[in-house]
Amino acid sequence: MLRHFDEELSALNQEIIKMGSLVEEAIYRSVESLKQQDKKIANAVIADDEKIDELELRLDEMCLDLIARRQPVAADLRFIDTAMKITTDLERMADLAVDIAERMLEIADQPLLKPLIDIPKLAVIAQNMTKGSIDAFVKRDVEIAKRTLQMENEADKLRNAVQDELVNNYIVKDGSTAPRAIPLLLVSRHLERICDHATNICEDVVYMIKGEVVKHHLWKLEQ
């Protein structure tokens, strides 16, 4: 019986990995659509979101089924509870990738206001934080969670840099640039929000492993 339960938990792990990979890909392709001004890529990101939504529902069903049939306690219960929270964060991250694709479609028929420098850097951090948060969960590794959390400050800095440049160097100086600048402002915000969701996952992972609430990074004070 215990072996079967372990197999079911392993299957849940694999589905989380699959969902995380799909979200990473959605983030990457959404930013690529912006860099290349490619409507086809953007529309594919939007269309493929349905797969992620369906996977979220399937994962929720798996978790609820495990709780009902196995009545897990302690570490196993925290694991399943964390899995349910993670799927919610991942689904929202995928929605933000869709938002990025939609912002790209708003400006697709116009030349980019400026070369994209900080937005691709922010996208890489968002992808890395997504991957790191899932790795921390799957491997039950607090150190991976901590390293991933440390990326958040750089994400905030890049978002602020994008916003400062677009507002001060473009919108303030020439209001006619606003229709092309505002979608880029929103893209930076969407990417930063993806990083926030990865942070949520990492904090939940630390709780899952240690059984300690670590919101607001209070666990750093214990080192």
C-alpha atoms as a PDB file:
ATOM      1  CA  MET A   1       0.000   0.000   0.000  1.00  0.00           C
ATOM      2  CA  LEU A   2       2.805   2.404   0.933  1.00  0.00           C
ATOM      3  CA  ARG A   3       4.647   1.602  -2.293  1.00  0.00           C
ATOM      4  CA  HIS A   4       1.548   2.471  -4.314  1.00  0.00           C
ATOM      5  CA  PHE A   5       1.210   5.760  -2.429  1.00  0.00           C
ATOM      6  CA  ASP A   6       4.849   6.584  -3.191  1.00  0.00           C
ATOM      7  CA  GLU A   7       4.198   5.858  -6.856  1.00  0.00           C
ATOM      8  CA  GLU A   8       1.206   8.201  -6.815  1.00  0.00           C
ATOM      9  CA  LEU A   9       3.277  10.949  -5.208  1.00  0.00           C
ATOM     10  CA  SER A  10       5.963  10.387  -7.841  1.00  0.00           C
ATOM     11  CA  ALA A  11       3.353  10.703 -10.593  1.00  0.00           C
ATOM     12  CA  LEU A  12       2.215  13.979  -9.034  1.00  0.00           C
ATOM     13  CA  ASN A  13       5.820  15.164  -9.083  1.00  0.00           C
ATOM     14  CA  GLN A  14       6.109  14.388 -12.779  1.00  0.00           C
ATOM     15  CA  GLU A  15       2.947  16.289 -13.608  1.00  0.00           C
ATOM     16  CA  ILE A  16       4.222  19.324 -11.678  1.00  0.00           C
ATOM     17  CA  ILE A  17       7.456  19.142 -13.693  1.00  0.00           C
ATOM     18  CA  LYS A  18       5.428  18.995 -16.912  1.00  0.00           C
ATOM     19  CA  MET A  19       3.337  22.007 -15.953  1.00  0.00           C
ATOM     20  CA  GLY A  20       6.434  23.966 -14.927  1.00  0.00           C
ATOM     21  CA  SER A  21       8.079  23.220 -18.275  1.00  0.00           C
ATOM     22  CA  LEU A  22       5.015  24.391 -20.172  1.00  0.00           C
ATOM     23  CA  VAL A  23       4.974  27.627 -18.172  1.00  0.00           C
ATOM     24  CA  GLU A  24       8.696  28.222 -18.765  1.00  0.00           C
ATOM     25  CA  GLU A  25       8.133  27.735 -22.487  1.00  0.00           C
ATOM     26  CA  ALA A  26       5.142  30.101 -22.489  1.00  0.00           C
ATOM     27  CA  ILE A  27       7.214  32.830 -20.815  1.00  0.00           C
ATOM     28  CA  TYR A  28      10.063  32.349 -23.282  1.00  0.00           C
ATOM     29  CA  ARG A  29       7.826  32.355 -26.359  1.00  0.00           C
ATOM     30  CA  SER A  30       5.827  35.368 -25.216  1.00  0.00           C
ATOM     31  CA  VAL A  31       8.996  37.452 -24.956  1.00  0.00           C
ATOM     32  CA  GLU A  32      10.331  36.023 -28.227  1.00  0.00           C
ATOM     33  CA  SER A  33       7.112  37.137 -29.925  1.00  0.00           C
ATOM     34  CA  LEU A  34       7.820  40.648 -28.658  1.00  0.00           C
ATOM     35  CA  LYS A  35      11.477  40.620 -29.688  1.00  0.00           C
ATOM     36  CA  GLN A  36      10.654  39.298 -33.163  1.00  0.00           C
ATOM     37  CA  GLN A  37       7.335  41.159 -33.506  1.00  0.00           C
ATOM     38  CA  ASP A  38       5.868  37.798 -34.472  1.00  0.00           C
ATOM     39  CA  LYS A  39       2.073  37.530 -34.252  1.00  0.00           C
ATOM     40  CA  LYS A  40       2.165  33.803 -34.964  1.00  0.00           C
ATOM     41  CA  ILE A  41       4.222  33.087 -31.837  1.00  0.00           C
ATOM     42  CA  ALA A  42       2.042  35.371 -29.728  1.00  0.00           C
ATOM     43  CA  ASN A  43      -1.153  33.705 -30.905  1.00  0.00           C
ATOM     44  CA  ALA A  44       0.342  30.271 -30.215  1.00  0.00           C
ATOM     45  CA  VAL A  45       1.095  31.296 -26.615  1.00  0.00           C
ATOM     46  CA  ILE A  46      -2.508  32.416 -26.190  1.00  0.00           C
ATOM     47  CA  ALA A  47      -3.925  29.250 -27.778  1.00  0.00           C
ATOM     48  CA  ASP A  48      -1.689  26.886 -25.795  1.00  0.00           C
ATOM     49  CA  ASP A  49      -2.795  28.373 -22.472  1.00  0.00           C
ATOM     50  CA  GLU A  50      -5.767  26.026 -22.547  1.00  0.00           C
ATOM     51  CA  LYS A  51      -3.406  23.054 -22.134  1.00  0.00           C
ATOM     52  CA  ILE A  52      -2.003  24.577 -18.964  1.00  0.00           C
ATOM     53  CA  ASP A  53      -5.472  25.313 -17.624  1.00  0.00           C
ATOM     54  CA  GLU A  54      -6.484  21.694 -18.215  1.00  0.00           C
ATOM     55  CA  LEU A  55      -3.332  20.444 -16.520  1.00  0.00           C
ATOM     56  CA  GLU A  56      -4.038  22.609 -13.481  1.00  0.00           C
ATOM     57  CA  LEU A  57      -7.493  21.057 -13.145  1.00  0.00           C
ATOM     58  CA  ARG A  58      -6.080  17.557 -13.515  1.00  0.00           C
ATOM     59  CA  LEU A  59      -3.454  18.202 -10.859  1.00  0.00           C
ATOM     60  CA  ASP A  60      -6.051  19.572  -8.460  1.00  0.00           C
ATOM     61  CA  GLU A  61      -8.105  16.430  -8.974  1.00  0.00           C
ATOM     62  CA  MET A  62      -5.054  14.255  -8.329  1.00  0.00           C
ATOM     63  CA  CYS A  63      -4.315  16.093  -5.088  1.00  0.00           C
ATOM     64  CA  LEU A  64      -7.886  15.925  -3.833  1.00  0.00           C
ATOM     65  CA  ASP A  65      -8.106  12.252  -4.734  1.00  0.00           C
ATOM     66  CA  LEU A  66      -4.901  11.497  -2.808  1.00  0.00           C
ATOM     67  CA  ILE A  67      -6.176  13.363   0.243  1.00  0.00           C
ATOM     68  CA  ALA A  68      -9.528  11.555   0.141  1.00  0.00           C
ATOM     69  CA  ARG A  69      -8.158   8.052  -0.426  1.00  0.00           C
ATOM     70  CA  ARG A  70      -4.862   8.125   1.466  1.00  0.00           C
ATOM     71  CA  GLN A  71      -5.687  10.574   4.272  1.00  0.00           C
ATOM     72  CA  PRO A  72      -2.049  11.724   4.426  1.00  0.00           C
ATOM     73  CA  VAL A  73      -0.574  13.365   7.512  1.00  0.00           C
ATOM     74  CA  ALA A  74       2.489  15.438   8.417  1.00  0.00           C
ATOM     75  CA  ALA A  75       5.050  15.703   5.586  1.00  0.00           C
ATOM     76  CA  ASP A  76       2.915  13.930   2.980  1.00  0.00           C
ATOM     77  CA  LEU A  77      -0.022  16.221   3.665  1.00  0.00           C
ATOM     78  CA  ARG A  78       2.192  19.326   3.425  1.00  0.00           C
ATOM     79  CA  PHE A  79       3.558  17.980   0.136  1.00  0.00           C
ATOM     80  CA  ILE A  80       0.111  17.586  -1.411  1.00  0.00           C
ATOM     81  CA  ASP A  81      -1.111  20.890   0.005  1.00  0.00           C
ATOM     82  CA  THR A  82       1.953  22.644  -1.456  1.00  0.00           C
ATOM     83  CA  ALA A  83       1.379  20.947  -4.813  1.00  0.00           C
ATOM     84  CA  MET A  84      -2.111  22.451  -4.981  1.00  0.00           C
ATOM     85  CA  LYS A  85      -0.774  25.918  -4.191  1.00  0.00           C
ATOM     86  CA  ILE A  86       1.974  25.564  -6.773  1.00  0.00           C
ATOM     87  CA  THR A  87      -0.431  24.662  -9.562  1.00  0.00           C
ATOM     88  CA  THR A  88      -2.373  27.847  -8.808  1.00  0.00           C
ATOM     89  CA  ASP A  89       0.789  29.957  -9.011  1.00  0.00           C
ATOM     90  CA  LEU A  90       1.903  28.242 -12.210  1.00  0.00           C
ATOM     91  CA  GLU A  91      -1.469  28.801 -13.855  1.00  0.00           C
ATOM     92  CA  ARG A  92      -1.288  32.488 -13.000  1.00  0.00           C
ATOM     93  CA  MET A  93       2.252  32.664 -14.383  1.00  0.00           C
ATOM     94  CA  ALA A  94       0.978  31.180 -17.629  1.00  0.00           C
ATOM     95  CA  ASP A  95      -1.808  33.778 -17.690  1.00  0.00           C
ATOM     96  CA  LEU A  96       0.845  36.485 -17.356  1.00  0.00           C
ATOM     97  CA  ALA A  97       2.701  35.009 -20.337  1.00  0.00           C
ATOM     98  CA  VAL A  98      -0.573  35.318 -22.245  1.00  0.00           C
ATOM     99  CA  ASP A  99      -0.818  38.937 -21.097  1.00  0.00           C
ATOM    100  CA  ILE A 100       2.654  39.571 -22.529  1.00  0.00           C
ATOM    101  CA  ALA A 101       1.623  38.024 -25.850  1.00  0.00           C
ATOM    102  CA  GLU A 102      -1.475  40.207 -25.907  1.00  0.00           C
ATOM    103  CA  ARG A 103       0.582  43.342 -25.224  1.00  0.00           C
ATOM    104  CA  MET A 104       2.780  42.357 -28.158  1.00  0.00           C
ATOM    105  CA  LEU A 105      -0.258  42.095 -30.445  1.00  0.00           C
ATOM    106  CA  GLU A 106      -1.254  45.630 -29.435  1.00  0.00           C
ATOM    107  CA  ILE A 107       1.972  47.024 -30.917  1.00  0.00           C
ATOM    108  CA  ALA A 108       2.728  44.366 -33.535  1.00  0.00           C
ATOM    109  CA  ASP A 109       2.064  46.644 -36.511  1.00  0.00           C
ATOM    110  CA  GLN A 110       4.303  49.419 -35.233  1.00  0.00           C
ATOM    111  CA  PRO A 111       8.099  49.586 -34.964  1.00  0.00           C
ATOM    112  CA  LEU A 112       9.421  48.954 -31.470  1.00  0.00           C
ATOM    113  CA  LEU A 113       9.869  52.159 -29.531  1.00  0.00           C
ATOM    114  CA  LYS A 114      13.413  51.164 -28.574  1.00  0.00           C
ATOM    115  CA  PRO A 115      15.723  48.162 -28.677  1.00  0.00           C
ATOM    116  CA  LEU A 116      14.777  45.645 -26.010  1.00  0.00           C
ATOM    117  CA  ILE A 117      17.584  45.307 -23.473  1.00  0.00           C
ATOM    118  CA  ASP A 118      16.297  44.966 -19.919  1.00  0.00           C
ATOM    119  CA  ILE A 119      13.033  43.184 -20.769  1.00  0.00           C
ATOM    120  CA  PRO A 120      14.829  40.090 -22.185  1.00  0.00           C
ATOM    121  CA  LYS A 121      17.097  40.075 -19.113  1.00  0.00           C
ATOM    122  CA  LEU A 122      14.034  40.199 -16.882  1.00  0.00           C
ATOM    123  CA  ALA A 123      12.475  37.380 -18.897  1.00  0.00           C
ATOM    124  CA  VAL A 124      15.533  35.183 -18.299  1.00  0.00           C
ATOM    125  CA  ILE A 125      15.237  35.781 -14.557  1.00  0.00           C
ATOM    126  CA  ALA A 126      11.533  34.942 -14.687  1.00  0.00           C
ATOM    127  CA  GLN A 127      12.300  31.678 -16.498  1.00  0.00           C
ATOM    128  CA  ASN A 128      15.132  30.812 -14.106  1.00  0.00           C
ATOM    129  CA  MET A 129      12.995  31.549 -11.055  1.00  0.00           C
ATOM    130  CA  THR A 130      10.200  29.412 -12.479  1.00  0.00           C
ATOM    131  CA  LYS A 131      12.578  26.512 -13.060  1.00  0.00           C
ATOM    132  CA  GLY A 132      14.296  26.989  -9.693  1.00  0.00           C
ATOM    133  CA  SER A 133      11.039  27.038  -7.777  1.00  0.00           C
ATOM    134  CA  ILE A 134       9.856  23.812  -9.421  1.00  0.00           C
ATOM    135  CA  ASP A 135      13.239  22.132  -8.903  1.00  0.00           C
ATOM    136  CA  ALA A 136      13.118  23.089  -5.217  1.00  0.00           C
ATOM    137  CA  PHE A 137       9.691  21.499  -4.904  1.00  0.00           C
ATOM    138  CA  VAL A 138      10.442  18.324  -6.821  1.00  0.00           C
ATOM    139  CA  LYS A 139      13.796  17.743  -5.107  1.00  0.00           C
ATOM    140  CA  ARG A 140      12.557  18.991  -1.721  1.00  0.00           C
ATOM    141  CA  ASP A 141      15.626  21.214  -1.580  1.00  0.00           C
ATOM    142  CA  VAL A 142      15.641  24.278   0.674  1.00  0.00           C
ATOM    143  CA  GLU A 143      18.953  25.515  -0.738  1.00  0.00           C
ATOM    144  CA  ILE A 144      17.542  25.693  -4.276  1.00  0.00           C
ATOM    145  CA  ALA A 145      14.553  27.606  -2.906  1.00  0.00           C
ATOM    146  CA  LYS A 146      16.871  30.078  -1.152  1.00  0.00           C
ATOM    147  CA  ARG A 147      19.010  30.632  -4.261  1.00  0.00           C
ATOM    148  CA  THR A 148      15.892  31.205  -6.317  1.00  0.00           C
ATOM    149  CA  LEU A 149      14.503  33.706  -3.809  1.00  0.00           C
ATOM    150  CA  GLN A 150      17.713  35.705  -4.086  1.00  0.00           C
ATOM    151  CA  MET A 151      16.969  36.439  -7.757  1.00  0.00           C
ATOM    152  CA  GLU A 152      13.917  38.496  -6.862  1.00  0.00           C
ATOM    153  CA  ASN A 153      15.813  41.701  -6.041  1.00  0.00           C
ATOM    154  CA  GLU A 154      17.440  41.741  -9.480  1.00  0.00           C
ATOM    155  CA  ALA A 155      14.024  41.271 -11.091  1.00  0.00           C
ATOM    156  CA  ASP A 156      12.688  44.278  -9.177  1.00  0.00           C
ATOM    157  CA  LYS A 157      15.683  46.386 -10.258  1.00  0.00           C
ATOM    158  CA  LEU A 158      15.211  45.512 -13.919  1.00  0.00           C
ATOM    159  CA  ARG A 159      11.488  46.273 -13.805  1.00  0.00           C
ATOM    160  CA  ASN A 160      12.230  49.643 -12.216  1.00  0.00           C
ATOM    161  CA  ALA A 161      14.890  50.363 -14.840  1.00  0.00           C
ATOM    162  CA  VAL A 162      12.443  49.616 -17.668  1.00  0.00           C
ATOM    163  CA  GLN A 163       9.761  51.793 -16.121  1.00  0.00           C
ATOM    164  CA  ASP A 164      12.103  54.703 -15.386  1.00  0.00           C
ATOM    165  CA  GLU A 165      13.469  54.700 -18.920  1.00  0.00           C
ATOM    166  CA  LEU A 166      10.120  54.470 -20.674  1.00  0.00           C
ATOM    167  CA  VAL A 167       8.443  57.087 -18.509  1.00  0.00           C
ATOM    168  CA  ASN A 168      11.260  59.613 -18.192  1.00  0.00           C
ATOM    169  CA  ASN A 169      12.980  59.225 -21.566  1.00  0.00           C
ATOM    170  CA  TYR A 170       9.909  58.734 -23.718  1.00  0.00           C
ATOM    171  CA  ILE A 171       6.438  59.410 -22.304  1.00  0.00           C
ATOM    172  CA  VAL A 172       7.395  62.564 -20.389  1.00  0.00           C
ATOM    173  CA  LYS A 173       9.414  63.962 -23.280  1.00  0.00           C
ATOM    174  CA  ASP A 174       6.971  63.009 -26.011  1.00  0.00           C
ATOM    175  CA  GLY A 175       3.417  62.016 -25.105  1.00  0.00           C
ATOM    176  CA  SER A 176       2.838  60.571 -28.572  1.00  0.00           C
ATOM    177  CA  THR A 177       5.100  57.643 -27.627  1.00  0.00           C
ATOM    178  CA  ALA A 178       2.691  56.491 -24.905  1.00  0.00           C
ATOM    179  CA  PRO A 179       0.732  53.984 -27.053  1.00  0.00           C
ATOM    180  CA  ARG A 180       3.975  52.127 -27.779  1.00  0.00           C
ATOM    181  CA  ALA A 181       5.567  52.663 -24.357  1.00  0.00           C
ATOM    182  CA  ILE A 182       2.682  51.572 -22.116  1.00  0.00           C
ATOM    183  CA  PRO A 183       2.517  47.981 -23.461  1.00  0.00           C
ATOM    184  CA  LEU A 184       6.241  47.641 -22.727  1.00  0.00           C
ATOM    185  CA  LEU A 185       5.684  49.017 -19.230  1.00  0.00           C
ATOM    186  CA  LEU A 186       3.016  46.378 -18.721  1.00  0.00           C
ATOM    187  CA  VAL A 187       5.284  43.625 -20.049  1.00  0.00           C
ATOM    188  CA  SER A 188       7.897  44.502 -17.432  1.00  0.00           C
ATOM    189  CA  ARG A 189       5.203  44.395 -14.777  1.00  0.00           C
ATOM    190  CA  HIS A 190       3.904  41.034 -16.020  1.00  0.00           C
ATOM    191  CA  LEU A 191       7.411  39.559 -15.879  1.00  0.00           C
ATOM    192  CA  GLU A 192       7.988  40.905 -12.381  1.00  0.00           C
ATOM    193  CA  ARG A 193       4.693  39.373 -11.278  1.00  0.00           C
ATOM    194  CA  ILE A 194       5.844  36.013 -12.664  1.00  0.00           C
ATOM    195  CA  CYS A 195       8.876  36.327 -10.399  1.00  0.00           C
ATOM    196  CA  ASP A 196       6.550  37.091  -7.468  1.00  0.00           C
ATOM    197  CA  HIS A 197       4.661  33.858  -8.083  1.00  0.00           C
ATOM    198  CA  ALA A 198       7.952  31.925  -8.227  1.00  0.00           C
ATOM    199  CA  THR A 199       8.783  33.517  -4.881  1.00  0.00           C
ATOM    200  CA  ASN A 200       5.466  32.269  -3.494  1.00  0.00           C
ATOM    201  CA  ILE A 201       6.333  28.756  -4.610  1.00  0.00           C
ATOM    202  CA  CYS A 202       9.774  28.887  -2.984  1.00  0.00           C
ATOM    203  CA  GLU A 203       8.312  30.109   0.299  1.00  0.00           C
ATOM    204  CA  ASP A 204       5.738  27.312   0.196  1.00  0.00           C
ATOM    205  CA  VAL A 205       8.512  24.802  -0.490  1.00  0.00           C
ATOM    206  CA  VAL A 206      10.437  25.889   2.598  1.00  0.00           C
ATOM    207  CA  TYR A 207       7.241  25.462   4.617  1.00  0.00           C
ATOM    208  CA  MET A 208       6.667  22.037   3.076  1.00  0.00           C
ATOM    209  CA  ILE A 209      10.146  20.853   3.996  1.00  0.00           C
ATOM    210  CA  LYS A 210      10.619  22.510   7.370  1.00  0.00           C
ATOM    211  CA  GLY A 211       7.046  22.933   8.508  1.00  0.00           C
ATOM    212  CA  GLU A 212       7.788  26.608   9.163  1.00  0.00           C
ATOM    213  CA  VAL A 213       6.009  29.679   7.821  1.00  0.00           C
ATOM    214  CA  VAL A 214       8.612  31.741   5.947  1.00  0.00           C
ATOM    215  CA  LYS A 215       6.598  34.485   4.286  1.00  0.00           C
ATOM    216  CA  HIS A 216       8.504  37.782   3.942  1.00  0.00           C
ATOM    217  CA  HIS A 217      11.748  35.766   4.035  1.00  0.00           C
ATOM    218  CA  LEU A 218      11.800  35.622   7.830  1.00  0.00           C
ATOM    219  CA  TRP A 219      13.728  32.345   7.575  1.00  0.00           C
ATOM    220  CA  LYS A 220      16.834  34.354   6.621  1.00  0.00           C
ATOM    221  CA  LEU A 221      16.954  35.719  10.163  1.00  0.00           C
ATOM    222  CA  GLU A 222      17.522  32.218  11.492  1.00  0.00           C
ATOM    223  CA  GLN A 223      20.751  31.651   9.577  1.00  0.00           C
END
